[in-house]
């Protein structure tokens, strides 16, 4: 519960500070914040793709599975007792 109060206090202080800015400065700040959100979302997607090893391929999932199974080789020799 304390964390919520802290966040609200920070927001209120920032809001009071921003109210003293002129209209042009507020619009510029809005633009900068919007750009940072767009960049953050793009970075987030790229990080997610890198984390899970995403790759681009023109093959369908079924073709990839067939290819993978076809390339497997078994060289297991069973020894007699």
Protein backbone atom coordinates (compact mmCIF):
# COMPACT_ATOMS: atom_id res chain seq x y z
CA UNK A 1 0.00 0.00 0.00
CA UNK A 2 2.91 2.32 0.73
CA UNK A 3 4.19 1.88 -2.83
CA UNK A 4 0.90 3.18 -4.26
CA UNK A 5 1.06 6.26 -2.02
CA UNK A 6 4.64 6.91 -3.10
CA UNK A 7 3.73 6.67 -6.77
CA UNK A 8 0.81 9.05 -6.32
CA UNK A 9 2.98 11.52 -4.45
CA UNK A 10 5.60 11.48 -7.21
CA UNK A 11 2.89 11.94 -9.85
CA UNK A 12 1.35 14.84 -7.95
CA UNK A 13 4.70 16.58 -7.54
CA UNK A 14 5.50 16.16 -11.23
CA UNK A 15 2.04 17.37 -12.21
CA UNK A 16 2.43 20.53 -10.13
CA UNK A 17 5.83 21.13 -11.71
CA UNK A 18 4.49 20.63 -15.23
CA UNK A 19 1.60 23.01 -14.69
CA UNK A 20 4.14 25.86 -14.57
CA UNK A 21 5.35 25.10 -18.11
CA UNK A 22 4.12 26.98 -21.14
CA UNK A 23 1.87 25.42 -23.76
CA UNK A 24 4.69 24.87 -26.29
CA UNK A 25 6.89 23.21 -23.67
CA UNK A 26 4.02 20.92 -22.65
CA UNK A 27 3.41 19.90 -26.28
CA UNK A 28 7.10 19.21 -26.78
CA UNK A 29 7.17 17.11 -23.61
CA UNK A 30 4.12 15.15 -24.79
CA UNK A 31 5.87 14.49 -28.10
CA UNK A 32 9.04 13.30 -26.37
CA UNK A 33 7.08 11.00 -24.06
CA UNK A 34 5.13 9.52 -27.00
CA UNK A 35 8.37 8.89 -28.91
CA UNK A 36 9.91 7.19 -25.87
CA UNK A 37 6.90 4.87 -25.61
CA UNK A 38 7.15 3.92 -29.28
CA UNK A 39 10.88 3.22 -28.93
CA UNK A 40 10.30 1.22 -25.74
CA UNK A 41 7.66 -0.97 -27.42
CA UNK A 42 9.94 -1.64 -30.42
CA UNK A 43 12.88 -2.47 -28.15
CA UNK A 44 10.65 -4.74 -26.12
CA UNK A 45 9.64 -6.73 -29.23
CA UNK A 46 13.24 -7.06 -30.38
CA UNK A 47 14.36 -8.26 -26.96
CA UNK A 48 11.55 -10.80 -26.89
CA UNK A 49 12.54 -12.14 -30.32
CA UNK A 50 16.19 -12.40 -29.31
CA UNK A 51 15.35 -14.11 -26.03
CA UNK A 52 13.38 -16.92 -27.58
CA UNK A 53 15.58 -17.41 -30.63
CA UNK A 54 13.05 -16.26 -33.18
CA UNK A 55 14.19 -16.50 -36.78
CA UNK A 56 12.75 -15.78 -40.16
CA UNK A 57 12.14 -18.59 -42.61
CA UNK A 58 10.17 -18.99 -45.78
CA UNK A 59 9.36 -22.61 -44.84
CA UNK A 60 6.16 -23.53 -43.04
CA UNK A 61 6.28 -25.18 -39.63
CA UNK A 62 5.39 -28.56 -41.16
CA UNK A 63 8.22 -28.25 -43.68
CA UNK A 64 10.67 -27.41 -40.88
CA UNK A 65 9.52 -30.43 -38.87
CA UNK A 66 9.86 -32.76 -41.88
CA UNK A 67 13.30 -31.38 -42.65
CA UNK A 68 14.42 -31.84 -39.07
CA UNK A 69 13.16 -35.41 -38.86
CA UNK A 70 14.65 -36.30 -42.24
CA UNK A 71 18.10 -35.04 -41.24
CA UNK A 72 18.28 -37.22 -38.14
CA UNK A 73 20.62 -40.17 -38.32
CA UNK A 74 20.77 -43.07 -35.94
CA UNK A 75 24.04 -44.90 -35.53
CA UNK A 76 23.22 -46.84 -32.42
CA UNK A 77 24.75 -50.29 -32.38
CA UNK A 78 23.25 -52.74 -29.95
CA UNK A 79 25.86 -55.06 -28.51
CA UNK A 80 25.04 -58.67 -27.85
CA UNK A 81 25.66 -60.18 -24.40
